[in-house]
Amino acid sequence: MTRGALVLFVGLFSVLFLRRKLYLYQWFALVIVVLGVAIVGLSGALFGHDQGHDPDSGVSDSMLKFARDVDTAARTPEAVRVIIGVLLIAAAQIFTATQFVLEEWILENYAMDPLNVVGWEGFFGLLVTVIGMIILHLTIGSTEAGRYGYFDLKEGWRQVTHNRNIAVSSLLIMISIGGFNFFGLSVTRTVSATSRSTIDTSRTLFIWLVSLGLGWESFKWLQVLGFALLVYGTFLFNNIIRPPLKACLPSVREEAREELLPEEPIEHI
């Protein structure tokens, strides 16, 4: 649910740092996208444990269970962990929004193709990851408490080399992420980082559809409402459909003065 805030951060950073102009209907569309993602996440939180629920149980049993859950949550630091988790997710969204806006700035001001940007990002990402893995292995993974844990570099390498499924899935994930970043940067170069963020958020819809087909997800009408708002906000922001109110539309003079991101990068000497 918190992930939907990405589009707002990207839009805000685009206005502050790239001097982009977002019209009233575009801000409205971003809010609609965030609302749609929030409804989808809320439905999962409300009905995520309903599959094992007995339909014959009465309302009183449900109320007693709810009271016990509230009492248990009040006596445990679970609420603190939830708050920390939400703050970490929000920080991750700000970091991702910064990356989107910085990538748009690079593509606009330097003669670089999206494939080159993906290659450099992958190189430095690999370098930072390898250095971090070595440091964490020496400080945590090599100790008695950290052995066979997340930071045990030797155990991780053994699992990858001795388990074919892990090796193949890791290779497919690398190809998938590389293609995902390339197509995302192509959208950023052609349109904008904010448009990319709205389209990126909409991929949750396709994940939901595949999960329904595989039986991993149960159908909920509240999720349908959330995805409908998500798609509507994405279409509205990218000018596929018109705003509901004419007052939200930019004037003809503003449209003529608007500067669009060029299809080709600016050449520099």
C-alpha atoms as a PDB file:
ATOM      1  CA  MET A   1       0.000   0.000   0.000  1.00  0.00           C
ATOM      2  CA  THR A   2       2.842   2.377   0.863  1.00  0.00           C
ATOM      3  CA  ARG A   3       4.461   1.618  -2.484  1.00  0.00           C
ATOM      4  CA  GLY A   4       1.845   3.771  -4.222  1.00  0.00           C
ATOM      5  CA  ALA A   5       3.486   6.882  -2.760  1.00  0.00           C
ATOM      6  CA  LEU A   6       6.254   6.464  -5.348  1.00  0.00           C
ATOM      7  CA  VAL A   7       4.276   8.338  -8.013  1.00  0.00           C
ATOM      8  CA  LEU A   8       3.765  11.325  -5.715  1.00  0.00           C
ATOM      9  CA  PHE A   9       7.451  11.489  -4.818  1.00  0.00           C
ATOM     10  CA  VAL A  10       8.486  11.260  -8.480  1.00  0.00           C
ATOM     11  CA  GLY A  11       6.017  13.985  -9.444  1.00  0.00           C
ATOM     12  CA  LEU A  12       7.164  16.229  -6.597  1.00  0.00           C
ATOM     13  CA  PHE A  13      10.869  15.740  -7.347  1.00  0.00           C
ATOM     14  CA  SER A  14      10.270  16.345 -11.057  1.00  0.00           C
ATOM     15  CA  VAL A  15       8.693  19.702 -10.252  1.00  0.00           C
ATOM     16  CA  LEU A  16      11.341  20.694  -7.699  1.00  0.00           C
ATOM     17  CA  PHE A  17      14.530  19.555  -9.422  1.00  0.00           C
ATOM     18  CA  LEU A  18      13.708  19.190 -13.127  1.00  0.00           C
ATOM     19  CA  ARG A  19      11.401  22.229 -13.279  1.00  0.00           C
ATOM     20  CA  ARG A  20       8.628  20.155 -14.849  1.00  0.00           C
ATOM     21  CA  LYS A  21       5.090  21.496 -14.845  1.00  0.00           C
ATOM     22  CA  LEU A  22       2.283  19.193 -13.746  1.00  0.00           C
ATOM     23  CA  TYR A  23      -1.248  20.404 -14.277  1.00  0.00           C
ATOM     24  CA  LEU A  24      -4.094  20.060 -11.826  1.00  0.00           C
ATOM     25  CA  TYR A  25      -5.573  16.998 -13.534  1.00  0.00           C
ATOM     26  CA  GLN A  26      -2.166  15.269 -13.426  1.00  0.00           C
ATOM     27  CA  TRP A  27      -1.859  15.779  -9.679  1.00  0.00           C
ATOM     28  CA  PHE A  28      -5.418  14.486  -9.382  1.00  0.00           C
ATOM     29  CA  ALA A  29      -4.417  11.424 -11.411  1.00  0.00           C
ATOM     30  CA  LEU A  30      -1.431  10.751  -9.143  1.00  0.00           C
ATOM     31  CA  VAL A  31      -3.667  10.906  -6.068  1.00  0.00           C
ATOM     32  CA  ILE A  32      -6.099   8.485  -7.748  1.00  0.00           C
ATOM     33  CA  VAL A  33      -3.214   6.061  -8.418  1.00  0.00           C
ATOM     34  CA  VAL A  34      -2.099   6.220  -4.778  1.00  0.00           C
ATOM     35  CA  LEU A  35      -5.697   5.694  -3.629  1.00  0.00           C
ATOM     36  CA  GLY A  36      -6.060   2.667  -5.888  1.00  0.00           C
ATOM     37  CA  VAL A  37      -2.856   1.074  -4.596  1.00  0.00           C
ATOM     38  CA  ALA A  38      -3.934   1.799  -1.011  1.00  0.00           C
ATOM     39  CA  ILE A  39      -7.303   0.080  -1.557  1.00  0.00           C
ATOM     40  CA  VAL A  40      -5.590  -2.974  -3.052  1.00  0.00           C
ATOM     41  CA  GLY A  41      -3.229  -3.172  -0.092  1.00  0.00           C
ATOM     42  CA  LEU A  42      -6.082  -2.605   2.354  1.00  0.00           C
ATOM     43  CA  SER A  43      -8.093  -5.470   0.885  1.00  0.00           C
ATOM     44  CA  GLY A  44      -5.128  -7.781   1.338  1.00  0.00           C
ATOM     45  CA  ALA A  45      -4.741  -6.662   4.954  1.00  0.00           C
ATOM     46  CA  LEU A  46      -8.448  -7.057   5.732  1.00  0.00           C
ATOM     47  CA  PHE A  47      -9.135 -10.339   3.949  1.00  0.00           C
ATOM     48  CA  GLY A  48      -5.695 -11.923   3.774  1.00  0.00           C
ATOM     49  CA  HIS A  49      -6.529 -14.500   6.453  1.00  0.00           C
ATOM     50  CA  ASP A  50     -10.082 -15.323   5.372  1.00  0.00           C
ATOM     51  CA  GLN A  51      -9.261 -18.495   3.435  1.00  0.00           C
ATOM     52  CA  GLY A  52      -9.050 -20.607   6.578  1.00  0.00           C
ATOM     53  CA  HIS A  53     -12.072 -18.951   8.242  1.00  0.00           C
ATOM     54  CA  ASP A  54     -15.080 -21.041   9.163  1.00  0.00           C
ATOM     55  CA  PRO A  55     -18.196 -19.516   7.558  1.00  0.00           C
ATOM     56  CA  ASP A  56     -20.428 -20.993  10.291  1.00  0.00           C
ATOM     57  CA  SER A  57     -18.754 -19.067  13.095  1.00  0.00           C
ATOM     58  CA  GLY A  58     -20.899 -16.332  14.568  1.00  0.00           C
ATOM     59  CA  VAL A  59     -20.355 -12.622  14.928  1.00  0.00           C
ATOM     60  CA  SER A  60     -19.575 -13.014  18.613  1.00  0.00           C
ATOM     61  CA  ASP A  61     -16.659 -15.341  17.856  1.00  0.00           C
ATOM     62  CA  SER A  62     -15.259 -12.817  15.410  1.00  0.00           C
ATOM     63  CA  MET A  63     -15.567 -10.027  17.958  1.00  0.00           C
ATOM     64  CA  LEU A  64     -13.829 -12.121  20.614  1.00  0.00           C
ATOM     65  CA  LYS A  65     -11.014 -12.971  18.206  1.00  0.00           C
ATOM     66  CA  PHE A  66     -10.640  -9.304  17.296  1.00  0.00           C
ATOM     67  CA  ALA A  67     -10.490  -8.330  20.981  1.00  0.00           C
ATOM     68  CA  ARG A  68      -7.825 -10.959  21.667  1.00  0.00           C
ATOM     69  CA  ASP A  69      -5.771  -9.733  18.715  1.00  0.00           C
ATOM     70  CA  VAL A  70      -5.979  -6.132  19.916  1.00  0.00           C
ATOM     71  CA  ASP A  71      -4.986  -7.160  23.440  1.00  0.00           C
ATOM     72  CA  THR A  72      -2.048  -9.211  22.155  1.00  0.00           C
ATOM     73  CA  ALA A  73      -0.877  -6.413  19.883  1.00  0.00           C
ATOM     74  CA  ALA A  74      -1.015  -3.931  22.751  1.00  0.00           C
ATOM     75  CA  ARG A  75       1.258  -6.094  24.904  1.00  0.00           C
ATOM     76  CA  THR A  76       3.845  -6.799  22.209  1.00  0.00           C
ATOM     77  CA  PRO A  77       6.144  -4.472  20.240  1.00  0.00           C
ATOM     78  CA  GLU A  78       4.457  -5.541  16.990  1.00  0.00           C
ATOM     79  CA  ALA A  79       3.085  -2.035  16.438  1.00  0.00           C
ATOM     80  CA  VAL A  80       6.586  -0.608  16.726  1.00  0.00           C
ATOM     81  CA  ARG A  81       7.862  -3.079  14.147  1.00  0.00           C
ATOM     82  CA  VAL A  82       5.028  -2.151  11.797  1.00  0.00           C
ATOM     83  CA  ILE A  83       5.848   1.552  12.129  1.00  0.00           C
ATOM     84  CA  ILE A  84       9.530   0.879  11.458  1.00  0.00           C
ATOM     85  CA  GLY A  85       8.600  -1.224   8.427  1.00  0.00           C
ATOM     86  CA  VAL A  86       6.372   1.506   7.017  1.00  0.00           C
ATOM     87  CA  LEU A  87       9.118   4.101   7.510  1.00  0.00           C
ATOM     88  CA  LEU A  88      11.654   1.871   5.760  1.00  0.00           C
ATOM     89  CA  ILE A  89       9.279   1.352   2.827  1.00  0.00           C
ATOM     90  CA  ALA A  90       8.671   5.102   2.605  1.00  0.00           C
ATOM     91  CA  ALA A  91      12.433   5.713   2.602  1.00  0.00           C
ATOM     92  CA  ALA A  92      12.803   3.145  -0.178  1.00  0.00           C
ATOM     93  CA  GLN A  93      10.144   4.939  -2.227  1.00  0.00           C
ATOM     94  CA  ILE A  94      11.973   8.259  -1.808  1.00  0.00           C
ATOM     95  CA  PHE A  95      15.217   6.583  -2.885  1.00  0.00           C
ATOM     96  CA  THR A  96      13.543   5.026  -5.949  1.00  0.00           C
ATOM     97  CA  ALA A  97      11.894   8.333  -6.852  1.00  0.00           C
ATOM     98  CA  THR A  98      15.291  10.029  -6.654  1.00  0.00           C
ATOM     99  CA  GLN A  99      16.700   7.375  -8.985  1.00  0.00           C
ATOM    100  CA  PHE A 100      13.877   7.877 -11.513  1.00  0.00           C
ATOM    101  CA  VAL A 101      14.333  11.653 -11.568  1.00  0.00           C
ATOM    102  CA  LEU A 102      18.129  11.400 -11.741  1.00  0.00           C
ATOM    103  CA  GLU A 103      17.865   8.980 -14.666  1.00  0.00           C
ATOM    104  CA  GLU A 104      15.618  11.431 -16.512  1.00  0.00           C
ATOM    105  CA  TRP A 105      18.135  14.221 -15.879  1.00  0.00           C
ATOM    106  CA  ILE A 106      21.003  12.059 -17.206  1.00  0.00           C
ATOM    107  CA  LEU A 107      19.089  11.046 -20.336  1.00  0.00           C
ATOM    108  CA  GLU A 108      18.146  14.662 -21.005  1.00  0.00           C
ATOM    109  CA  ASN A 109      21.561  16.232 -20.457  1.00  0.00           C
ATOM    110  CA  TYR A 110      23.948  13.548 -21.725  1.00  0.00           C
ATOM    111  CA  ALA A 111      24.121  11.702 -25.032  1.00  0.00           C
ATOM    112  CA  MET A 112      23.557   8.260 -23.525  1.00  0.00           C
ATOM    113  CA  ASP A 113      21.250   5.505 -24.690  1.00  0.00           C
ATOM    114  CA  PRO A 114      19.049   3.694 -22.147  1.00  0.00           C
ATOM    115  CA  LEU A 115      21.046   0.501 -22.708  1.00  0.00           C
ATOM    116  CA  ASN A 116      24.276   2.276 -21.737  1.00  0.00           C
ATOM    117  CA  VAL A 117      22.676   3.657 -18.580  1.00  0.00           C
ATOM    118  CA  VAL A 118      21.421   0.182 -17.637  1.00  0.00           C
ATOM    119  CA  GLY A 119      24.907  -1.231 -18.191  1.00  0.00           C
ATOM    120  CA  TRP A 120      26.588   1.346 -15.960  1.00  0.00           C
ATOM    121  CA  GLU A 121      23.921   0.939 -13.284  1.00  0.00           C
ATOM    122  CA  GLY A 122      24.417  -2.824 -13.382  1.00  0.00           C
ATOM    123  CA  PHE A 123      28.203  -2.506 -13.150  1.00  0.00           C
ATOM    124  CA  PHE A 124      28.170  -0.212 -10.130  1.00  0.00           C
ATOM    125  CA  GLY A 125      25.340  -2.215  -8.547  1.00  0.00           C
ATOM    126  CA  LEU A 126      27.401  -5.397  -8.885  1.00  0.00           C
ATOM    127  CA  LEU A 127      30.469  -3.649  -7.465  1.00  0.00           C
ATOM    128  CA  VAL A 128      28.607  -2.320  -4.417  1.00  0.00           C
ATOM    129  CA  THR A 129      26.882  -5.675  -3.847  1.00  0.00           C
ATOM    130  CA  VAL A 130      30.128  -7.673  -3.977  1.00  0.00           C
ATOM    131  CA  ILE A 131      31.862  -5.288  -1.572  1.00  0.00           C
ATOM    132  CA  GLY A 132      28.873  -5.391   0.781  1.00  0.00           C
ATOM    133  CA  MET A 133      28.700  -9.196   0.638  1.00  0.00           C
ATOM    134  CA  ILE A 134      32.382  -9.523   1.542  1.00  0.00           C
ATOM    135  CA  ILE A 135      32.117  -7.071   4.444  1.00  0.00           C
ATOM    136  CA  LEU A 136      28.954  -8.694   5.832  1.00  0.00           C
ATOM    137  CA  HIS A 137      30.451 -12.169   5.468  1.00  0.00           C
ATOM    138  CA  LEU A 138      33.590 -11.210   7.376  1.00  0.00           C
ATOM    139  CA  THR A 139      31.704  -9.384  10.133  1.00  0.00           C
ATOM    140  CA  ILE A 140      28.561 -11.542  10.482  1.00  0.00           C
ATOM    141  CA  GLY A 141      28.456 -14.526   8.148  1.00  0.00           C
ATOM    142  CA  SER A 142      31.753 -16.045   9.284  1.00  0.00           C
ATOM    143  CA  THR A 143      30.786 -15.963  12.966  1.00  0.00           C
ATOM    144  CA  GLU A 144      29.143 -18.849  14.785  1.00  0.00           C
ATOM    145  CA  ALA A 145      25.841 -16.986  15.108  1.00  0.00           C
ATOM    146  CA  GLY A 146      25.788 -15.964  11.454  1.00  0.00           C
ATOM    147  CA  ARG A 147      26.779 -19.321   9.962  1.00  0.00           C
ATOM    148  CA  TYR A 148      24.233 -20.658   7.431  1.00  0.00           C
ATOM    149  CA  GLY A 149      22.422 -17.326   7.630  1.00  0.00           C
ATOM    150  CA  TYR A 150      21.733 -14.570   5.108  1.00  0.00           C
ATOM    151  CA  PHE A 151      25.295 -13.235   5.175  1.00  0.00           C
ATOM    152  CA  ASP A 152      27.165 -16.549   4.948  1.00  0.00           C
ATOM    153  CA  LEU A 153      28.843 -16.079   1.558  1.00  0.00           C
ATOM    154  CA  LYS A 154      30.224 -19.614   1.367  1.00  0.00           C
ATOM    155  CA  GLU A 155      26.861 -21.220   2.074  1.00  0.00           C
ATOM    156  CA  GLY A 156      25.153 -18.997  -0.487  1.00  0.00           C
ATOM    157  CA  TRP A 157      27.686 -19.907  -3.163  1.00  0.00           C
ATOM    158  CA  ARG A 158      27.317 -23.598  -2.306  1.00  0.00           C
ATOM    159  CA  GLN A 159      23.534 -23.438  -2.690  1.00  0.00           C
ATOM    160  CA  VAL A 160      23.749 -21.673  -6.057  1.00  0.00           C
ATOM    161  CA  THR A 161      26.322 -24.082  -7.493  1.00  0.00           C
ATOM    162  CA  HIS A 162      24.714 -27.268  -6.125  1.00  0.00           C
ATOM    163  CA  ASN A 163      21.058 -26.465  -6.799  1.00  0.00           C
ATOM    164  CA  ARG A 164      20.130 -26.134 -10.463  1.00  0.00           C
ATOM    165  CA  ASN A 165      16.763 -24.502  -9.736  1.00  0.00           C
ATOM    166  CA  ILE A 166      18.401 -21.692  -7.776  1.00  0.00           C
ATOM    167  CA  ALA A 167      21.034 -21.134 -10.469  1.00  0.00           C
ATOM    168  CA  VAL A 168      18.510 -21.048 -13.328  1.00  0.00           C
ATOM    169  CA  SER A 169      16.076 -18.813 -11.442  1.00  0.00           C
ATOM    170  CA  SER A 170      18.915 -16.416 -10.547  1.00  0.00           C
ATOM    171  CA  LEU A 171      19.914 -16.170 -14.213  1.00  0.00           C
ATOM    172  CA  LEU A 172      16.315 -15.554 -15.295  1.00  0.00           C
ATOM    173  CA  ILE A 173      15.901 -12.888 -12.622  1.00  0.00           C
ATOM    174  CA  MET A 174      19.019 -11.080 -13.872  1.00  0.00           C
ATOM    175  CA  ILE A 175      17.689 -11.099 -17.447  1.00  0.00           C
ATOM    176  CA  SER A 176      14.236  -9.993 -16.285  1.00  0.00           C
ATOM    177  CA  ILE A 177      15.542  -7.099 -14.176  1.00  0.00           C
ATOM    178  CA  GLY A 178      17.872  -5.974 -16.970  1.00  0.00           C
ATOM    179  CA  GLY A 179      15.027  -5.903 -19.481  1.00  0.00           C
ATOM    180  CA  PHE A 180      12.720  -4.220 -16.976  1.00  0.00           C
ATOM    181  CA  ASN A 181      15.207  -1.414 -16.347  1.00  0.00           C
ATOM    182  CA  PHE A 182      15.912  -0.963 -20.067  1.00  0.00           C
ATOM    183  CA  PHE A 183      12.246  -0.607 -20.993  1.00  0.00           C
ATOM    184  CA  GLY A 184      11.659   1.656 -18.003  1.00  0.00           C
ATOM    185  CA  LEU A 185      14.487   3.968 -19.053  1.00  0.00           C
ATOM    186  CA  SER A 186      13.137   3.974 -22.606  1.00  0.00           C
ATOM    187  CA  VAL A 187       9.803   5.234 -21.258  1.00  0.00           C
ATOM    188  CA  THR A 188      11.627   7.851 -19.172  1.00  0.00           C
ATOM    189  CA  ARG A 189      13.555   9.074 -22.210  1.00  0.00           C
ATOM    190  CA  THR A 190      10.494   9.241 -24.460  1.00  0.00           C
ATOM    191  CA  VAL A 191       7.937  10.604 -21.976  1.00  0.00           C
ATOM    192  CA  SER A 192       8.980  11.361 -18.390  1.00  0.00           C
ATOM    193  CA  ALA A 193       9.947   9.769 -15.098  1.00  0.00           C
ATOM    194  CA  THR A 194       6.504  10.470 -13.641  1.00  0.00           C
ATOM    195  CA  SER A 195       4.771   8.664 -16.497  1.00  0.00           C
ATOM    196  CA  ARG A 196       7.139   5.758 -15.974  1.00  0.00           C
ATOM    197  CA  SER A 197       6.254   5.615 -12.278  1.00  0.00           C
ATOM    198  CA  THR A 198       2.513   5.421 -13.023  1.00  0.00           C
ATOM    199  CA  ILE A 199       3.033   2.637 -15.567  1.00  0.00           C
ATOM    200  CA  ASP A 200       5.408   0.848 -13.190  1.00  0.00           C
ATOM    201  CA  THR A 201       2.797   0.907 -10.427  1.00  0.00           C
ATOM    202  CA  SER A 202       0.206  -0.597 -12.778  1.00  0.00           C
ATOM    203  CA  ARG A 203       2.195  -3.825 -13.112  1.00  0.00           C
ATOM    204  CA  THR A 204       0.580  -4.881  -9.832  1.00  0.00           C
ATOM    205  CA  LEU A 205      -2.580  -5.486 -11.863  1.00  0.00           C
ATOM    206  CA  PHE A 206      -0.881  -8.060 -14.084  1.00  0.00           C
ATOM    207  CA  ILE A 207       0.696  -9.748 -11.062  1.00  0.00           C
ATOM    208  CA  TRP A 208      -2.784 -10.022  -9.530  1.00  0.00           C
ATOM    209  CA  LEU A 209      -4.256 -11.502 -12.721  1.00  0.00           C
ATOM    210  CA  VAL A 210      -1.501 -14.120 -12.970  1.00  0.00           C
ATOM    211  CA  SER A 211      -1.902 -14.953  -9.277  1.00  0.00           C
ATOM    212  CA  LEU A 212      -5.637 -15.450  -9.795  1.00  0.00           C
ATOM    213  CA  GLY A 213      -4.994 -17.778 -12.719  1.00  0.00           C
ATOM    214  CA  LEU A 214      -2.509 -19.845 -10.704  1.00  0.00           C
ATOM    215  CA  GLY A 215      -4.792 -20.002  -7.680  1.00  0.00           C
ATOM    216  CA  TRP A 216      -2.408 -18.082  -5.448  1.00  0.00           C
ATOM    217  CA  GLU A 217      -4.883 -15.251  -4.869  1.00  0.00           C
ATOM    218  CA  SER A 218      -8.576 -15.206  -3.996  1.00  0.00           C
ATOM    219  CA  PHE A 219     -10.940 -12.856  -5.819  1.00  0.00           C
ATOM    220  CA  LYS A 220     -12.014  -9.779  -3.860  1.00  0.00           C
ATOM    221  CA  TRP A 221     -14.260  -7.021  -5.184  1.00  0.00           C
ATOM    222  CA  LEU A 222     -12.390  -4.431  -3.131  1.00  0.00           C
ATOM    223  CA  GLN A 223      -9.259  -5.240  -5.131  1.00  0.00           C
ATOM    224  CA  VAL A 224     -11.213  -4.771  -8.359  1.00  0.00           C
ATOM    225  CA  LEU A 225     -12.173  -1.280  -7.186  1.00  0.00           C
ATOM    226  CA  GLY A 226      -8.562  -0.493  -6.313  1.00  0.00           C
ATOM    227  CA  PHE A 227      -7.225  -1.697  -9.655  1.00  0.00           C
ATOM    228  CA  ALA A 228      -9.950   0.215 -11.511  1.00  0.00           C
ATOM    229  CA  LEU A 229      -8.819   3.433  -9.814  1.00  0.00           C
ATOM    230  CA  LEU A 230      -5.195   2.534 -10.525  1.00  0.00           C
ATOM    231  CA  VAL A 231      -5.817   2.061 -14.249  1.00  0.00           C
ATOM    232  CA  TYR A 232      -8.010   5.170 -14.433  1.00  0.00           C
ATOM    233  CA  GLY A 233      -5.358   7.345 -12.788  1.00  0.00           C
ATOM    234  CA  THR A 234      -2.639   5.968 -15.075  1.00  0.00           C
ATOM    235  CA  PHE A 235      -4.709   6.604 -18.213  1.00  0.00           C
ATOM    236  CA  LEU A 236      -5.671  10.071 -17.007  1.00  0.00           C
ATOM    237  CA  PHE A 237      -2.091  11.135 -16.265  1.00  0.00           C
ATOM    238  CA  ASN A 238      -0.791   9.894 -19.618  1.00  0.00           C
ATOM    239  CA  ASN A 239      -3.572  11.716 -21.526  1.00  0.00           C
ATOM    240  CA  ILE A 240      -5.224   8.517 -22.765  1.00  0.00           C
ATOM    241  CA  ILE A 241      -8.548   9.729 -21.367  1.00  0.00           C
ATOM    242  CA  ARG A 242      -9.695  13.287 -20.715  1.00  0.00           C
ATOM    243  CA  PRO A 243     -10.152  14.789 -17.236  1.00  0.00           C
ATOM    244  CA  PRO A 244     -13.712  14.768 -15.859  1.00  0.00           C
ATOM    245  CA  LEU A 245     -13.764  18.568 -15.440  1.00  0.00           C
ATOM    246  CA  LYS A 246     -12.794  21.081 -18.114  1.00  0.00           C
ATOM    247  CA  ALA A 247     -11.422  23.360 -15.407  1.00  0.00           C
ATOM    248  CA  CYS A 248      -8.629  20.836 -14.845  1.00  0.00           C
ATOM    249  CA  LEU A 249      -7.436  21.122 -18.441  1.00  0.00           C
ATOM    250  CA  PRO A 250      -4.494  23.443 -19.228  1.00  0.00           C
ATOM    251  CA  SER A 251      -5.192  26.507 -21.304  1.00  0.00           C
ATOM    252  CA  VAL A 252      -4.179  26.671 -24.956  1.00  0.00           C
ATOM    253  CA  ARG A 253      -1.488  29.221 -24.131  1.00  0.00           C
ATOM    254  CA  GLU A 254       0.028  26.955 -21.476  1.00  0.00           C
ATOM    255  CA  GLU A 255       0.024  23.954 -23.814  1.00  0.00           C
ATOM    256  CA  ALA A 256       1.836  25.941 -26.497  1.00  0.00           C
ATOM    257  CA  ARG A 257       4.443  27.073 -23.988  1.00  0.00           C
ATOM    258  CA  GLU A 258       5.014  23.601 -22.509  1.00  0.00           C
ATOM    259  CA  GLU A 259       8.397  22.052 -23.245  1.00  0.00           C
ATOM    260  CA  LEU A 260       8.391  18.342 -23.902  1.00  0.00           C
ATOM    261  CA  LEU A 261      11.279  15.950 -23.319  1.00  0.00           C
ATOM    262  CA  PRO A 262      13.025  15.439 -26.701  1.00  0.00           C
ATOM    263  CA  GLU A 263      12.950  12.060 -28.382  1.00  0.00           C
ATOM    264  CA  GLU A 264      16.722  12.165 -28.955  1.00  0.00           C
ATOM    265  CA  PRO A 265      19.249  13.119 -26.275  1.00  0.00           C
ATOM    266  CA  ILE A 266      20.804  16.539 -26.446  1.00  0.00           C
ATOM    267  CA  GLU A 267      24.158  16.476 -28.193  1.00  0.00           C
ATOM    268  CA  HIS A 268      27.084  17.900 -26.246  1.00  0.00           C
ATOM    269  CA  ILE A 269      30.489  18.949 -27.530  1.00  0.00           C
END
